[in-house]
């Protein structure tokens, strides 16, 4: 069975991506919900030299805090 999945950028800023899934017998389109913005936008990965040293230190303290909470 041949399947085709297409994902398109949203047409406006309130919606998420538009997804179309089709087979030889049918087609379904839907719009994904736009992810809610996090309270603080933390980088996924970062090099220590790329950021202000004080800001980098605060990020590392948050990581250590999360790590301590997981161990308990």
PDB file of N, CA and C in Angstrom:
ATOM      1  N   UNK A   1       0.828  -1.173   0.000  1.00  0.00           N
ATOM      2  CA  UNK A   1       0.000   0.000   0.000  1.00  0.00           C
ATOM      3  C   UNK A   1       0.877   1.243   0.000  1.00  0.00           C
ATOM      4  N   UNK A   2       0.619   2.137  -0.899  1.00  0.00           N
ATOM      5  CA  UNK A   2       1.370   3.384  -0.982  1.00  0.00           C
ATOM      6  C   UNK A   2       0.738   4.429  -0.079  1.00  0.00           C
ATOM      7  N   UNK A   3       1.551   5.065   0.748  1.00  0.00           N
ATOM      8  CA  UNK A   3       1.082   6.121   1.642  1.00  0.00           C
ATOM      9  C   UNK A   3       1.890   7.370   1.355  1.00  0.00           C
ATOM     10  N   UNK A   4       1.263   8.496   1.499  1.00  0.00           N
ATOM     11  CA  UNK A   4       1.949   9.766   1.280  1.00  0.00           C
ATOM     12  C   UNK A   4       1.609  10.696   2.430  1.00  0.00           C
ATOM     13  N   UNK A   5       2.629  11.255   3.056  1.00  0.00           N
ATOM     14  CA  UNK A   5       2.424  12.222   4.134  1.00  0.00           C
ATOM     15  C   UNK A   5       3.110  13.508   3.718  1.00  0.00           C
ATOM     16  N   UNK A   6       2.350  14.596   3.741  1.00  0.00           N
ATOM     17  CA  UNK A   6       2.883  15.916   3.422  1.00  0.00           C
ATOM     18  C   UNK A   6       2.662  16.833   4.613  1.00  0.00           C
ATOM     19  N   UNK A   7       3.652  17.653   4.916  1.00  0.00           N
ATOM     20  CA  UNK A   7       3.553  18.619   6.011  1.00  0.00           C
ATOM     21  C   UNK A   7       3.893  19.984   5.440  1.00  0.00           C
ATOM     22  N   UNK A   8       3.019  20.954   5.711  1.00  0.00           N
ATOM     23  CA  UNK A   8       3.194  22.307   5.187  1.00  0.00           C
ATOM     24  C   UNK A   8       3.234  23.317   6.323  1.00  0.00           C
ATOM     25  N   UNK A   9       3.932  24.401   6.090  1.00  0.00           N
ATOM     26  CA  UNK A   9       3.996  25.493   7.057  1.00  0.00           C
ATOM     27  C   UNK A   9       2.595  26.048   7.282  1.00  0.00           C
ATOM     28  N   UNK A  10       2.328  26.584   8.490  1.00  0.00           N
ATOM     29  CA  UNK A  10       1.006  27.148   8.753  1.00  0.00           C
ATOM     30  C   UNK A  10       0.756  28.396   7.900  1.00  0.00           C
ATOM     31  N   UNK A  11      -0.525  28.627   7.602  1.00  0.00           N
ATOM     32  CA  UNK A  11      -0.893  29.798   6.810  1.00  0.00           C
ATOM     33  C   UNK A  11      -0.968  31.061   7.655  1.00  0.00           C
ATOM     34  N   UNK A  12      -1.156  30.912   8.975  1.00  0.00           N
ATOM     35  CA  UNK A  12      -1.150  32.079   9.860  1.00  0.00           C
ATOM     36  C   UNK A  12      -0.413  31.729  11.144  1.00  0.00           C
ATOM     37  N   UNK A  13      -0.152  32.722  11.970  1.00  0.00           N
ATOM     38  CA  UNK A  13       0.670  32.523  13.164  1.00  0.00           C
ATOM     39  C   UNK A  13      -0.063  31.813  14.300  1.00  0.00           C
ATOM     40  N   UNK A  14      -1.376  31.654  14.207  1.00  0.00           N
ATOM     41  CA  UNK A  14      -2.135  31.010  15.277  1.00  0.00           C
ATOM     42  C   UNK A  14      -2.185  29.497  15.141  1.00  0.00           C
ATOM     43  N   UNK A  15      -1.987  28.981  13.933  1.00  0.00           N
ATOM     44  CA  UNK A  15      -2.067  27.541  13.683  1.00  0.00           C
ATOM     45  C   UNK A  15      -0.684  26.906  13.650  1.00  0.00           C
ATOM     46  N   UNK A  16      -0.692  25.587  13.805  1.00  0.00           N
ATOM     47  CA  UNK A  16       0.537  24.821  13.641  1.00  0.00           C
ATOM     48  C   UNK A  16       0.626  24.323  12.202  1.00  0.00           C
ATOM     49  N   UNK A  17       1.472  23.353  11.964  1.00  0.00           N
ATOM     50  CA  UNK A  17       1.675  22.816  10.620  1.00  0.00           C
ATOM     51  C   UNK A  17       0.420  22.107  10.112  1.00  0.00           C
ATOM     52  N   UNK A  18       0.223  22.134   8.802  1.00  0.00           N
ATOM     53  CA  UNK A  18      -0.889  21.421   8.182  1.00  0.00           C
ATOM     54  C   UNK A  18      -0.345  20.098   7.642  1.00  0.00           C
ATOM     55  N   UNK A  19      -1.012  19.001   7.995  1.00  0.00           N
ATOM     56  CA  UNK A  19      -0.564  17.661   7.625  1.00  0.00           C
ATOM     57  C   UNK A  19      -1.618  17.006   6.747  1.00  0.00           C
ATOM     58  N   UNK A  20      -1.170  16.392   5.653  1.00  0.00           N
ATOM     59  CA  UNK A  20      -2.058  15.627   4.788  1.00  0.00           C
ATOM     60  C   UNK A  20      -1.506  14.211   4.687  1.00  0.00           C
ATOM     61  N   UNK A  21      -2.382  13.233   4.947  1.00  0.00           N
ATOM     62  CA  UNK A  21      -2.037  11.814   4.898  1.00  0.00           C
ATOM     63  C   UNK A  21      -2.942  11.187   3.856  1.00  0.00           C
ATOM     64  N   UNK A  22      -2.355  10.562   2.861  1.00  0.00           N
ATOM     65  CA  UNK A  22      -3.205   9.966   1.819  1.00  0.00           C
ATOM     66  C   UNK A  22      -2.752   8.560   1.468  1.00  0.00           C
ATOM     67  N   UNK A  23      -3.741   7.757   1.104  1.00  0.00           N
ATOM     68  CA  UNK A  23      -3.533   6.399   0.619  1.00  0.00           C
ATOM     69  C   UNK A  23      -4.229   6.328  -0.742  1.00  0.00           C
ATOM     70  N   UNK A  24      -4.125   5.228  -1.446  1.00  0.00           N
ATOM     71  CA  UNK A  24      -4.827   5.130  -2.731  1.00  0.00           C
ATOM     72  C   UNK A  24      -6.356   5.252  -2.599  1.00  0.00           C
ATOM     73  N   UNK A  25      -6.895   5.060  -1.385  1.00  0.00           N
ATOM     74  CA  UNK A  25      -8.354   5.048  -1.213  1.00  0.00           C
ATOM     75  C   UNK A  25      -8.909   6.256  -0.466  1.00  0.00           C
ATOM     76  N   UNK A  26      -8.074   7.002   0.229  1.00  0.00           N
ATOM     77  CA  UNK A  26      -8.595   8.123   1.004  1.00  0.00           C
ATOM     78  C   UNK A  26      -7.515   9.163   1.282  1.00  0.00           C
ATOM     79  N   UNK A  27      -7.982  10.319   1.784  1.00  0.00           N
ATOM     80  CA  UNK A  27      -7.060  11.391   2.149  1.00  0.00           C
ATOM     81  C   UNK A  27      -7.630  12.102   3.370  1.00  0.00           C
ATOM     82  N   UNK A  28      -6.757  12.440   4.307  1.00  0.00           N
ATOM     83  CA  UNK A  28      -7.149  13.142   5.519  1.00  0.00           C
ATOM     84  C   UNK A  28      -6.191  14.295   5.726  1.00  0.00           C
ATOM     85  N   UNK A  29      -6.735  15.496   5.952  1.00  0.00           N
ATOM     86  CA  UNK A  29      -5.920  16.669   6.251  1.00  0.00           C
ATOM     87  C   UNK A  29      -6.318  17.220   7.610  1.00  0.00           C
ATOM     88  N   UNK A  30      -5.336  17.678   8.344  1.00  0.00           N
ATOM     89  CA  UNK A  30      -5.616  18.293   9.636  1.00  0.00           C
ATOM     90  C   UNK A  30      -4.513  19.275   9.967  1.00  0.00           C
ATOM     91  N   UNK A  31      -4.814  20.170  10.891  1.00  0.00           N
ATOM     92  CA  UNK A  31      -3.856  21.174  11.328  1.00  0.00           C
ATOM     93  C   UNK A  31      -3.432  20.849  12.750  1.00  0.00           C
ATOM     94  N   UNK A  32      -2.134  20.789  12.977  1.00  0.00           N
ATOM     95  CA  UNK A  32      -1.615  20.534  14.312  1.00  0.00           C
ATOM     96  C   UNK A  32      -1.762  21.787  15.165  1.00  0.00           C
ATOM     97  N   UNK A  33      -1.882  21.596  16.464  1.00  0.00           N
ATOM     98  CA  UNK A  33      -1.935  22.739  17.380  1.00  0.00           C
ATOM     99  C   UNK A  33      -0.551  23.361  17.469  1.00  0.00           C
ATOM    100  N   UNK A  34      -0.507  24.682  17.522  1.00  0.00           N
ATOM    101  CA  UNK A  34       0.772  25.375  17.684  1.00  0.00           C
ATOM    102  C   UNK A  34       1.231  25.154  19.119  1.00  0.00           C
ATOM    103  N   UNK A  35       2.493  24.766  19.308  1.00  0.00           N
ATOM    104  CA  UNK A  35       2.995  24.570  20.677  1.00  0.00           C
ATOM    105  C   UNK A  35       2.925  25.873  21.472  1.00  0.00           C
ATOM    106  N   UNK A  36       2.579  25.748  22.737  1.00  0.00           N
ATOM    107  CA  UNK A  36       2.546  26.923  23.611  1.00  0.00           C
ATOM    108  C   UNK A  36       3.975  27.325  23.922  1.00  0.00           C
ATOM    109  N   UNK A  37       4.197  28.624  24.020  1.00  0.00           N
ATOM    110  CA  UNK A  37       5.544  29.105  24.323  1.00  0.00           C
ATOM    111  C   UNK A  37       5.891  28.809  25.770  1.00  0.00           C
ATOM    112  N   UNK A  38       7.114  28.396  25.976  1.00  0.00           N
ATOM    113  CA  UNK A  38       7.590  28.123  27.326  1.00  0.00           C
ATOM    114  C   UNK A  38       7.746  29.441  28.079  1.00  0.00           C
ATOM    115  N   UNK A  39       7.671  29.357  29.417  1.00  0.00           N
ATOM    116  CA  UNK A  39       7.820  30.565  30.224  1.00  0.00           C
ATOM    117  C   UNK A  39       9.190  31.206  29.993  1.00  0.00           C
ATOM    118  N   UNK A  40      10.202  30.381  29.911  1.00  0.00           N
ATOM    119  CA  UNK A  40      11.535  30.904  29.606  1.00  0.00           C
ATOM    120  C   UNK A  40      12.102  30.065  28.474  1.00  0.00           C
ATOM    121  N   UNK A  41      12.582  30.704  27.468  1.00  0.00           N
ATOM    122  CA  UNK A  41      13.126  30.019  26.307  1.00  0.00           C
ATOM    123  C   UNK A  41      14.576  29.636  26.587  1.00  0.00           C
ATOM    124  N   UNK A  42      14.792  28.375  26.933  1.00  0.00           N
ATOM    125  CA  UNK A  42      16.139  27.892  27.207  1.00  0.00           C
ATOM    126  C   UNK A  42      16.694  27.225  25.958  1.00  0.00           C
ATOM    127  N   UNK A  43      17.958  27.410  25.671  1.00  0.00           N
ATOM    128  CA  UNK A  43      18.546  26.753  24.509  1.00  0.00           C
ATOM    129  C   UNK A  43      18.602  25.244  24.693  1.00  0.00           C
ATOM    130  N   UNK A  44      18.492  24.523  23.590  1.00  0.00           N
ATOM    131  CA  UNK A  44      18.585  23.067  23.635  1.00  0.00           C
ATOM    132  C   UNK A  44      20.031  22.657  23.874  1.00  0.00           C
ATOM    133  N   UNK A  45      20.931  23.305  23.201  1.00  0.00           N
ATOM    134  CA  UNK A  45      22.359  23.039  23.375  1.00  0.00           C
ATOM    135  C   UNK A  45      23.094  24.359  23.162  1.00  0.00           C
ATOM    136  N   UNK A  46      24.174  24.535  23.860  1.00  0.00           N
ATOM    137  CA  UNK A  46      24.899  25.789  23.745  1.00  0.00           C
ATOM    138  C   UNK A  46      26.361  25.572  24.136  1.00  0.00           C
ATOM    139  N   UNK A  47      27.195  26.335  23.538  1.00  0.00           N
ATOM    140  CA  UNK A  47      28.614  26.330  23.893  1.00  0.00           C
ATOM    141  C   UNK A  47      28.833  27.410  24.943  1.00  0.00           C
ATOM    142  N   UNK A  48      29.621  27.125  25.930  1.00  0.00           N
ATOM    143  CA  UNK A  48      29.823  28.068  27.023  1.00  0.00           C
ATOM    144  C   UNK A  48      30.375  29.412  26.539  1.00  0.00           C
ATOM    145  N   UNK A  49      31.192  29.409  25.501  1.00  0.00           N
ATOM    146  CA  UNK A  49      31.788  30.654  25.027  1.00  0.00           C
ATOM    147  C   UNK A  49      30.825  31.508  24.206  1.00  0.00           C
ATOM    148  N   UNK A  50      29.657  30.942  23.830  1.00  0.00           N
ATOM    149  CA  UNK A  50      28.721  31.662  22.979  1.00  0.00           C
ATOM    150  C   UNK A  50      27.784  32.574  23.768  1.00  0.00           C
ATOM    151  N   UNK A  51      27.782  32.456  25.091  1.00  0.00           N
ATOM    152  CA  UNK A  51      26.864  33.231  25.924  1.00  0.00           C
ATOM    153  C   UNK A  51      27.609  34.060  26.949  1.00  0.00           C
ATOM    154  N   UNK A  52      26.875  35.024  27.485  1.00  0.00           N
ATOM    155  CA  UNK A  52      27.385  35.803  28.602  1.00  0.00           C
ATOM    156  C   UNK A  52      27.712  34.832  29.743  1.00  0.00           C
ATOM    157  N   UNK A  53      28.878  34.949  30.371  1.00  0.00           N
ATOM    158  CA  UNK A  53      29.274  33.990  31.414  1.00  0.00           C
ATOM    159  C   UNK A  53      28.280  33.896  32.576  1.00  0.00           C
ATOM    160  N   UNK A  54      27.690  35.024  32.992  1.00  0.00           N
ATOM    161  CA  UNK A  54      26.730  34.984  34.098  1.00  0.00           C
ATOM    162  C   UNK A  54      25.456  34.248  33.691  1.00  0.00           C
ATOM    163  N   UNK A  55      24.999  34.476  32.473  1.00  0.00           N
ATOM    164  CA  UNK A  55      23.804  33.804  31.979  1.00  0.00           C
ATOM    165  C   UNK A  55      24.062  32.299  31.846  1.00  0.00           C
ATOM    166  N   UNK A  56      25.227  31.947  31.322  1.00  0.00           N
ATOM    167  CA  UNK A  56      25.589  30.538  31.195  1.00  0.00           C
ATOM    168  C   UNK A  56      25.631  29.866  32.562  1.00  0.00           C
ATOM    169  N   UNK A  57      26.188  30.551  33.561  1.00  0.00           N
ATOM    170  CA  UNK A  57      26.257  29.998  34.915  1.00  0.00           C
ATOM    171  C   UNK A  57      24.854  29.770  35.472  1.00  0.00           C
ATOM    172  N   UNK A  58      23.925  30.700  35.196  1.00  0.00           N
ATOM    173  CA  UNK A  58      22.552  30.512  35.694  1.00  0.00           C
ATOM    174  C   UNK A  58      21.890  29.309  35.017  1.00  0.00           C
ATOM    175  N   UNK A  59      22.158  29.092  33.729  1.00  0.00           N
ATOM    176  CA  UNK A  59      21.618  27.920  33.043  1.00  0.00           C
ATOM    177  C   UNK A  59      22.170  26.631  33.644  1.00  0.00           C
ATOM    178  N   UNK A  60      23.446  26.610  33.945  1.00  0.00           N
ATOM    179  CA  UNK A  60      24.059  25.418  34.521  1.00  0.00           C
ATOM    180  C   UNK A  60      23.497  25.129  35.917  1.00  0.00           C
ATOM    181  N   UNK A  61      23.185  26.188  36.681  1.00  0.00           N
ATOM    182  CA  UNK A  61      22.570  25.983  38.000  1.00  0.00           C
ATOM    183  C   UNK A  61      21.192  25.347  37.846  1.00  0.00           C
ATOM    184  N   UNK A  62      20.438  25.767  36.835  1.00  0.00           N
ATOM    185  CA  UNK A  62      19.131  25.161  36.577  1.00  0.00           C
ATOM    186  C   UNK A  62      19.280  23.685  36.227  1.00  0.00           C
ATOM    187  N   UNK A  63      20.263  23.357  35.406  1.00  0.00           N
ATOM    188  CA  UNK A  63      20.506  21.960  35.033  1.00  0.00           C
ATOM    189  C   UNK A  63      20.859  21.140  36.267  1.00  0.00           C
ATOM    190  N   UNK A  64      21.732  21.665  37.112  1.00  0.00           N
ATOM    191  CA  UNK A  64      22.103  20.954  38.331  1.00  0.00           C
ATOM    192  C   UNK A  64      20.895  20.751  39.238  1.00  0.00           C
ATOM    193  N   UNK A  65      20.053  21.759  39.339  1.00  0.00           N
ATOM    194  CA  UNK A  65      18.846  21.665  40.160  1.00  0.00           C
ATOM    195  C   UNK A  65      17.914  20.573  39.640  1.00  0.00           C
ATOM    196  N   UNK A  66      17.699  20.533  38.340  1.00  0.00           N
ATOM    197  CA  UNK A  66      16.866  19.492  37.750  1.00  0.00           C
ATOM    198  C   UNK A  66      17.454  18.103  37.964  1.00  0.00           C
ATOM    199  N   UNK A  67      18.761  18.009  37.849  1.00  0.00           N
ATOM    200  CA  UNK A  67      19.440  16.725  38.031  1.00  0.00           C
ATOM    201  C   UNK A  67      19.278  16.237  39.481  1.00  0.00           C
ATOM    202  N   UNK A  68      19.399  17.161  40.437  1.00  0.00           N
ATOM    203  CA  UNK A  68      19.238  16.791  41.851  1.00  0.00           C
ATOM    204  C   UNK A  68      17.821  16.309  42.117  1.00  0.00           C
ATOM    205  N   UNK A  69      16.826  16.970  41.511  1.00  0.00           N
ATOM    206  CA  UNK A  69      15.435  16.588  41.726  1.00  0.00           C
ATOM    207  C   UNK A  69      15.164  15.192  41.178  1.00  0.00           C
ATOM    208  N   UNK A  70      15.776  14.829  40.051  1.00  0.00           N
ATOM    209  CA  UNK A  70      15.569  13.507  39.457  1.00  0.00           C
ATOM    210  C   UNK A  70      16.147  12.397  40.327  1.00  0.00           C
ATOM    211  N   UNK A  71      17.250  12.685  41.018  1.00  0.00           N
ATOM    212  CA  UNK A  71      17.897  11.670  41.841  1.00  0.00           C
ATOM    213  C   UNK A  71      17.069  11.313  43.073  1.00  0.00           C
ATOM    214  N   UNK A  72      16.254  12.239  43.549  1.00  0.00           N
ATOM    215  CA  UNK A  72      15.475  12.010  44.783  1.00  0.00           C
ATOM    216  C   UNK A  72      14.358  11.040  44.573  1.00  0.00           C
TER     217      UNK A  72
END
